[in-house]
Amino acid sequence: MTIDSVWSYPPQVARPRELDLTGFAVVATDGTVGHVDREADPAGMRHLVVDTGVWVFGKSVLVPAGVIVGVDPGERRVTVACSRAEIKAAPRFRTDSETRDPGYLTSVGAYYHGLPPHDAATA
């Protein structure tokens, strides 16, 4: 995955453009992370803001579209190619303004880009 592609849905992810992912469960390689609070695309840096509930102390995390390996509209589920621990260790998401901050988004993209690849079959 290139650093630019971390912000785009992978070609193998079939996702109708008009599909709203809000409320979909987000599932990592080792369990559920939370649910999609919203989707954003500032300056071509498409990502999900995921509400983790109590799992990460009631915080939200930012997940770039490039780590998504599956979208199941019937099950209302988004599957990502990283673990819960990797998502928890990502750069801290504090305020909504960060979803429009190129510096913050660049650090998030670099973090996810640097993760080791996961076997899609386990995702």
N, C-alpha and C. Protein backbone atom coordinates (compact mmCIF):
# COMPACT_ATOMS: atom_id res chain seq x y z
N MET A 1 0.85 -1.17 0.00
CA MET A 1 0.00 0.00 0.00
C MET A 1 0.89 1.24 0.00
N THR A 2 0.63 2.16 -0.90
CA THR A 2 1.37 3.42 -0.91
C THR A 2 0.77 4.36 0.12
N ILE A 3 1.52 5.37 0.49
CA ILE A 3 1.02 6.33 1.47
C ILE A 3 -0.23 7.03 0.94
N ASP A 4 -0.30 7.31 -0.36
CA ASP A 4 -1.49 7.94 -0.93
C ASP A 4 -2.70 7.00 -0.88
N SER A 5 -2.46 5.71 -1.10
CA SER A 5 -3.59 4.78 -1.16
C SER A 5 -4.20 4.49 0.20
N VAL A 6 -3.54 4.88 1.28
CA VAL A 6 -4.11 4.67 2.61
C VAL A 6 -5.40 5.48 2.76
N TRP A 7 -5.59 6.49 1.91
CA TRP A 7 -6.77 7.37 2.01
C TRP A 7 -7.86 7.00 1.01
N SER A 8 -7.71 5.95 0.25
CA SER A 8 -8.70 5.54 -0.74
C SER A 8 -9.16 4.12 -0.46
N TYR A 9 -10.43 3.84 -0.77
CA TYR A 9 -10.91 2.47 -0.61
C TYR A 9 -10.14 1.58 -1.58
N PRO A 10 -9.68 0.43 -1.11
CA PRO A 10 -8.97 -0.50 -2.01
C PRO A 10 -9.90 -0.95 -3.14
N PRO A 11 -9.34 -1.25 -4.30
CA PRO A 11 -10.16 -1.64 -5.44
C PRO A 11 -11.06 -2.86 -5.17
N GLN A 12 -10.61 -3.78 -4.31
CA GLN A 12 -11.39 -4.99 -4.04
C GLN A 12 -12.58 -4.74 -3.10
N VAL A 13 -12.68 -3.56 -2.52
CA VAL A 13 -13.78 -3.25 -1.61
C VAL A 13 -14.95 -2.71 -2.41
N ALA A 14 -15.98 -3.54 -2.54
CA ALA A 14 -17.19 -3.13 -3.27
C ALA A 14 -18.05 -2.31 -2.32
N ARG A 15 -18.21 -1.06 -2.66
CA ARG A 15 -18.99 -0.16 -1.80
C ARG A 15 -19.75 0.81 -2.69
N PRO A 16 -21.08 0.70 -2.70
CA PRO A 16 -21.84 1.68 -3.48
C PRO A 16 -21.57 3.09 -2.98
N ARG A 17 -21.35 4.00 -3.89
CA ARG A 17 -21.00 5.37 -3.55
C ARG A 17 -22.03 6.03 -2.62
N GLU A 18 -23.27 5.74 -2.83
CA GLU A 18 -24.33 6.39 -2.05
C GLU A 18 -24.57 5.74 -0.69
N LEU A 19 -23.87 4.66 -0.39
CA LEU A 19 -24.06 3.95 0.87
C LEU A 19 -23.49 4.76 2.04
N ASP A 20 -24.33 5.06 3.01
CA ASP A 20 -23.92 5.77 4.22
C ASP A 20 -23.48 4.74 5.25
N LEU A 21 -22.23 4.81 5.68
CA LEU A 21 -21.68 3.83 6.62
C LEU A 21 -21.96 4.18 8.08
N THR A 22 -22.59 5.31 8.34
CA THR A 22 -22.88 5.72 9.71
C THR A 22 -23.66 4.62 10.44
N GLY A 23 -23.16 4.25 11.61
CA GLY A 23 -23.80 3.22 12.41
C GLY A 23 -23.30 1.81 12.14
N PHE A 24 -22.54 1.59 11.07
CA PHE A 24 -22.00 0.26 10.77
C PHE A 24 -21.01 -0.14 11.86
N ALA A 25 -21.00 -1.41 12.24
CA ALA A 25 -20.00 -1.94 13.16
C ALA A 25 -18.65 -1.96 12.45
N VAL A 26 -17.58 -1.72 13.19
CA VAL A 26 -16.22 -1.79 12.65
C VAL A 26 -15.52 -2.95 13.34
N VAL A 27 -15.07 -3.91 12.51
CA VAL A 27 -14.48 -5.14 13.03
C VAL A 27 -13.02 -5.24 12.59
N ALA A 28 -12.12 -5.39 13.57
CA ALA A 28 -10.69 -5.55 13.32
C ALA A 28 -10.39 -7.04 13.16
N THR A 29 -9.12 -7.36 12.97
CA THR A 29 -8.73 -8.75 12.79
C THR A 29 -8.97 -9.59 14.04
N ASP A 30 -9.12 -8.94 15.19
CA ASP A 30 -9.28 -9.67 16.45
C ASP A 30 -10.51 -9.23 17.26
N GLY A 31 -11.47 -8.64 16.61
CA GLY A 31 -12.70 -8.28 17.32
C GLY A 31 -13.26 -6.94 16.93
N THR A 32 -14.40 -6.64 17.50
CA THR A 32 -15.11 -5.40 17.18
C THR A 32 -14.41 -4.21 17.83
N VAL A 33 -14.32 -3.13 17.07
CA VAL A 33 -13.68 -1.90 17.52
C VAL A 33 -14.73 -0.90 18.02
N GLY A 34 -15.83 -0.80 17.31
CA GLY A 34 -16.87 0.17 17.63
C GLY A 34 -17.81 0.32 16.45
N HIS A 35 -18.33 1.54 16.26
CA HIS A 35 -19.20 1.78 15.11
C HIS A 35 -18.83 3.10 14.44
N VAL A 36 -19.19 3.19 13.16
CA VAL A 36 -18.88 4.39 12.38
C VAL A 36 -19.76 5.54 12.86
N ASP A 37 -19.10 6.60 13.31
CA ASP A 37 -19.79 7.82 13.71
C ASP A 37 -20.06 8.68 12.48
N ARG A 38 -19.05 8.75 11.61
CA ARG A 38 -19.20 9.50 10.35
C ARG A 38 -18.04 9.17 9.41
N GLU A 39 -18.22 9.57 8.16
CA GLU A 39 -17.20 9.39 7.13
C GLU A 39 -16.85 10.78 6.62
N ALA A 40 -15.57 11.01 6.36
CA ALA A 40 -15.13 12.32 5.88
C ALA A 40 -14.13 12.14 4.73
N ASP A 41 -14.00 13.19 3.92
CA ASP A 41 -13.09 13.14 2.77
C ASP A 41 -12.48 14.52 2.52
N PRO A 42 -11.79 15.09 3.51
CA PRO A 42 -11.18 16.39 3.27
C PRO A 42 -9.95 16.25 2.37
N ALA A 43 -9.95 17.00 1.29
CA ALA A 43 -8.81 17.02 0.37
C ALA A 43 -8.38 15.63 -0.08
N GLY A 44 -9.35 14.74 -0.33
CA GLY A 44 -9.03 13.40 -0.83
C GLY A 44 -8.47 12.45 0.21
N MET A 45 -8.58 12.80 1.49
CA MET A 45 -8.08 11.94 2.57
C MET A 45 -9.27 11.27 3.25
N ARG A 46 -9.88 10.32 2.55
CA ARG A 46 -11.11 9.65 3.02
C ARG A 46 -10.83 8.79 4.24
N HIS A 47 -11.69 8.93 5.25
CA HIS A 47 -11.52 8.17 6.48
C HIS A 47 -12.84 8.04 7.22
N LEU A 48 -12.83 7.16 8.20
CA LEU A 48 -13.97 6.98 9.09
C LEU A 48 -13.59 7.49 10.47
N VAL A 49 -14.55 8.12 11.13
CA VAL A 49 -14.41 8.43 12.55
C VAL A 49 -15.22 7.36 13.25
N VAL A 50 -14.54 6.58 14.09
CA VAL A 50 -15.14 5.41 14.72
C VAL A 50 -15.30 5.68 16.22
N ASP A 51 -16.53 5.55 16.69
CA ASP A 51 -16.83 5.66 18.12
C ASP A 51 -16.54 4.31 18.74
N THR A 52 -15.59 4.28 19.67
CA THR A 52 -15.19 3.01 20.28
C THR A 52 -15.99 2.67 21.53
N GLY A 53 -16.92 3.52 21.91
CA GLY A 53 -17.68 3.26 23.13
C GLY A 53 -16.75 3.22 24.32
N VAL A 54 -16.92 2.25 25.20
CA VAL A 54 -16.08 2.18 26.39
C VAL A 54 -14.76 1.47 26.15
N TRP A 55 -14.61 0.83 24.98
CA TRP A 55 -13.42 0.03 24.70
C TRP A 55 -12.13 0.86 24.83
N VAL A 56 -12.11 2.06 24.25
CA VAL A 56 -10.94 2.94 24.36
C VAL A 56 -11.37 4.15 25.19
N PHE A 57 -11.97 3.88 26.33
CA PHE A 57 -12.38 4.92 27.26
C PHE A 57 -13.32 5.94 26.65
N GLY A 58 -14.25 5.46 25.82
CA GLY A 58 -15.27 6.33 25.25
C GLY A 58 -14.76 7.30 24.21
N LYS A 59 -13.62 7.02 23.63
CA LYS A 59 -13.03 7.91 22.64
C LYS A 59 -13.36 7.47 21.23
N SER A 60 -13.12 8.39 20.31
CA SER A 60 -13.24 8.07 18.90
C SER A 60 -11.84 7.90 18.33
N VAL A 61 -11.75 7.13 17.25
CA VAL A 61 -10.50 6.94 16.53
C VAL A 61 -10.74 7.23 15.06
N LEU A 62 -9.68 7.57 14.36
CA LEU A 62 -9.77 7.84 12.94
C LEU A 62 -9.15 6.66 12.19
N VAL A 63 -9.89 6.13 11.21
CA VAL A 63 -9.43 4.98 10.44
C VAL A 63 -9.46 5.34 8.95
N PRO A 64 -8.30 5.38 8.28
CA PRO A 64 -8.27 5.69 6.85
C PRO A 64 -8.98 4.61 6.02
N ALA A 65 -9.58 5.03 4.92
CA ALA A 65 -10.32 4.11 4.04
C ALA A 65 -9.44 2.99 3.49
N GLY A 66 -8.14 3.22 3.35
CA GLY A 66 -7.24 2.23 2.77
C GLY A 66 -7.04 0.98 3.59
N VAL A 67 -7.39 1.00 4.87
CA VAL A 67 -7.25 -0.20 5.70
C VAL A 67 -8.53 -1.02 5.73
N ILE A 68 -9.56 -0.53 5.05
CA ILE A 68 -10.83 -1.27 4.99
C ILE A 68 -10.69 -2.40 3.98
N VAL A 69 -11.04 -3.61 4.40
CA VAL A 69 -10.94 -4.76 3.50
C VAL A 69 -12.30 -5.32 3.12
N GLY A 70 -13.35 -4.80 3.73
CA GLY A 70 -14.68 -5.29 3.38
C GLY A 70 -15.78 -4.40 3.93
N VAL A 71 -16.85 -4.29 3.15
CA VAL A 71 -18.06 -3.59 3.58
C VAL A 71 -19.22 -4.53 3.30
N ASP A 72 -19.97 -4.89 4.33
CA ASP A 72 -21.11 -5.78 4.20
C ASP A 72 -22.39 -5.01 4.56
N PRO A 73 -23.09 -4.48 3.53
CA PRO A 73 -24.30 -3.70 3.80
C PRO A 73 -25.39 -4.51 4.51
N GLY A 74 -25.51 -5.80 4.20
CA GLY A 74 -26.53 -6.64 4.83
C GLY A 74 -26.31 -6.80 6.32
N GLU A 75 -25.05 -6.99 6.70
CA GLU A 75 -24.68 -7.14 8.12
C GLU A 75 -24.38 -5.80 8.78
N ARG A 76 -24.34 -4.71 7.96
CA ARG A 76 -23.98 -3.37 8.46
C ARG A 76 -22.64 -3.43 9.21
N ARG A 77 -21.63 -3.95 8.45
CA ARG A 77 -20.32 -4.18 9.03
C ARG A 77 -19.22 -3.70 8.08
N VAL A 78 -18.21 -3.07 8.66
CA VAL A 78 -16.99 -2.67 7.96
C VAL A 78 -15.85 -3.46 8.60
N THR A 79 -15.06 -4.16 7.77
CA THR A 79 -13.94 -4.94 8.28
C THR A 79 -12.64 -4.23 7.91
N VAL A 80 -11.72 -4.15 8.87
CA VAL A 80 -10.45 -3.48 8.64
C VAL A 80 -9.30 -4.47 8.80
N ALA A 81 -8.18 -4.18 8.12
CA ALA A 81 -7.02 -5.08 8.10
C ALA A 81 -6.00 -4.69 9.15
N CYS A 82 -6.45 -4.46 10.37
CA CYS A 82 -5.53 -4.19 11.46
C CYS A 82 -6.18 -4.68 12.76
N SER A 83 -5.38 -4.77 13.79
CA SER A 83 -5.89 -5.28 15.06
C SER A 83 -6.45 -4.15 15.91
N ARG A 84 -7.16 -4.54 16.95
CA ARG A 84 -7.69 -3.56 17.90
C ARG A 84 -6.54 -2.79 18.55
N ALA A 85 -5.46 -3.48 18.91
CA ALA A 85 -4.31 -2.82 19.54
C ALA A 85 -3.68 -1.81 18.60
N GLU A 86 -3.60 -2.14 17.31
CA GLU A 86 -3.02 -1.20 16.34
C GLU A 86 -3.89 0.03 16.21
N ILE A 87 -5.20 -0.16 16.21
CA ILE A 87 -6.11 0.99 16.13
C ILE A 87 -5.99 1.83 17.40
N LYS A 88 -5.92 1.19 18.54
CA LYS A 88 -5.80 1.90 19.81
C LYS A 88 -4.50 2.70 19.88
N ALA A 89 -3.42 2.19 19.26
CA ALA A 89 -2.11 2.85 19.30
C ALA A 89 -1.95 3.95 18.26
N ALA A 90 -2.95 4.15 17.41
CA ALA A 90 -2.88 5.18 16.36
C ALA A 90 -2.80 6.57 16.99
N PRO A 91 -2.33 7.56 16.24
CA PRO A 91 -2.30 8.93 16.78
C PRO A 91 -3.66 9.32 17.37
N ARG A 92 -3.62 9.89 18.52
CA ARG A 92 -4.82 10.23 19.30
C ARG A 92 -5.73 11.20 18.54
N PHE A 93 -7.00 10.88 18.49
CA PHE A 93 -8.01 11.75 17.89
C PHE A 93 -8.69 12.51 19.02
N ARG A 94 -8.64 13.84 18.98
CA ARG A 94 -9.19 14.63 20.07
C ARG A 94 -10.39 15.47 19.67
N THR A 95 -10.28 16.17 18.54
CA THR A 95 -11.35 17.11 18.16
C THR A 95 -11.73 16.93 16.70
N ASP A 96 -12.96 17.34 16.39
CA ASP A 96 -13.44 17.25 15.01
C ASP A 96 -12.59 18.06 14.04
N SER A 97 -11.97 19.12 14.51
CA SER A 97 -11.15 19.95 13.61
C SER A 97 -9.97 19.15 13.05
N GLU A 98 -9.54 18.11 13.76
CA GLU A 98 -8.42 17.29 13.26
C GLU A 98 -8.78 16.55 11.98
N THR A 99 -10.08 16.32 11.73
CA THR A 99 -10.46 15.63 10.49
C THR A 99 -10.22 16.51 9.27
N ARG A 100 -9.89 17.78 9.50
CA ARG A 100 -9.58 18.71 8.41
C ARG A 100 -8.15 19.24 8.49
N ASP A 101 -7.37 18.73 9.43
CA ASP A 101 -6.00 19.21 9.64
C ASP A 101 -5.02 18.35 8.85
N PRO A 102 -4.43 18.89 7.77
CA PRO A 102 -3.52 18.09 6.95
C PRO A 102 -2.35 17.49 7.73
N GLY A 103 -1.82 18.21 8.71
CA GLY A 103 -0.70 17.69 9.50
C GLY A 103 -1.10 16.47 10.32
N TYR A 104 -2.24 16.56 10.97
CA TYR A 104 -2.73 15.42 11.76
C TYR A 104 -3.04 14.24 10.84
N LEU A 105 -3.73 14.51 9.73
CA LEU A 105 -4.09 13.43 8.80
C LEU A 105 -2.84 12.78 8.22
N THR A 106 -1.81 13.56 7.96
CA THR A 106 -0.55 13.00 7.45
C THR A 106 0.07 12.06 8.49
N SER A 107 0.05 12.44 9.77
CA SER A 107 0.61 11.57 10.80
C SER A 107 -0.20 10.28 10.94
N VAL A 108 -1.52 10.38 10.83
CA VAL A 108 -2.37 9.18 10.88
C VAL A 108 -2.08 8.28 9.68
N GLY A 109 -2.00 8.86 8.49
CA GLY A 109 -1.70 8.09 7.28
C GLY A 109 -0.37 7.39 7.37
N ALA A 110 0.65 8.08 7.89
CA ALA A 110 1.98 7.48 8.03
C ALA A 110 1.94 6.32 9.03
N TYR A 111 1.18 6.47 10.11
CA TYR A 111 1.07 5.40 11.10
C TYR A 111 0.47 4.15 10.47
N TYR A 112 -0.70 4.29 9.85
CA TYR A 112 -1.36 3.11 9.27
C TYR A 112 -0.56 2.54 8.10
N HIS A 113 0.09 3.39 7.33
CA HIS A 113 0.91 2.93 6.21
C HIS A 113 2.08 2.06 6.72
N GLY A 114 2.58 2.37 7.90
CA GLY A 114 3.72 1.64 8.45
C GLY A 114 3.37 0.33 9.15
N LEU A 115 2.08 0.03 9.28
CA LEU A 115 1.69 -1.23 9.94
C LEU A 115 2.04 -2.43 9.08
N PRO A 116 2.38 -3.54 9.70
CA PRO A 116 2.64 -4.75 8.90
C PRO A 116 1.35 -5.23 8.27
N PRO A 117 1.45 -5.83 7.07
CA PRO A 117 0.23 -6.32 6.42
C PRO A 117 -0.38 -7.49 7.21
N HIS A 118 -1.69 -7.54 7.18
CA HIS A 118 -2.43 -8.64 7.82
C HIS A 118 -3.01 -9.52 6.72
N ASP A 119 -3.15 -10.78 7.02
CA ASP A 119 -3.78 -11.72 6.09
C ASP A 119 -5.25 -11.37 5.98
N ALA A 120 -5.71 -11.02 4.78
CA ALA A 120 -7.10 -10.64 4.56
C ALA A 120 -8.06 -11.76 4.94
N ALA A 121 -7.61 -12.99 4.91
CA ALA A 121 -8.49 -14.11 5.27
C ALA A 121 -8.85 -14.09 6.74
N THR A 122 -8.00 -13.47 7.57
CA THR A 122 -8.31 -13.40 9.00
C THR A 122 -9.08 -12.15 9.33
N ALA A 123 -9.23 -11.26 8.37
CA ALA A 123 -9.90 -9.99 8.64
C ALA A 123 -11.38 -10.07 8.53
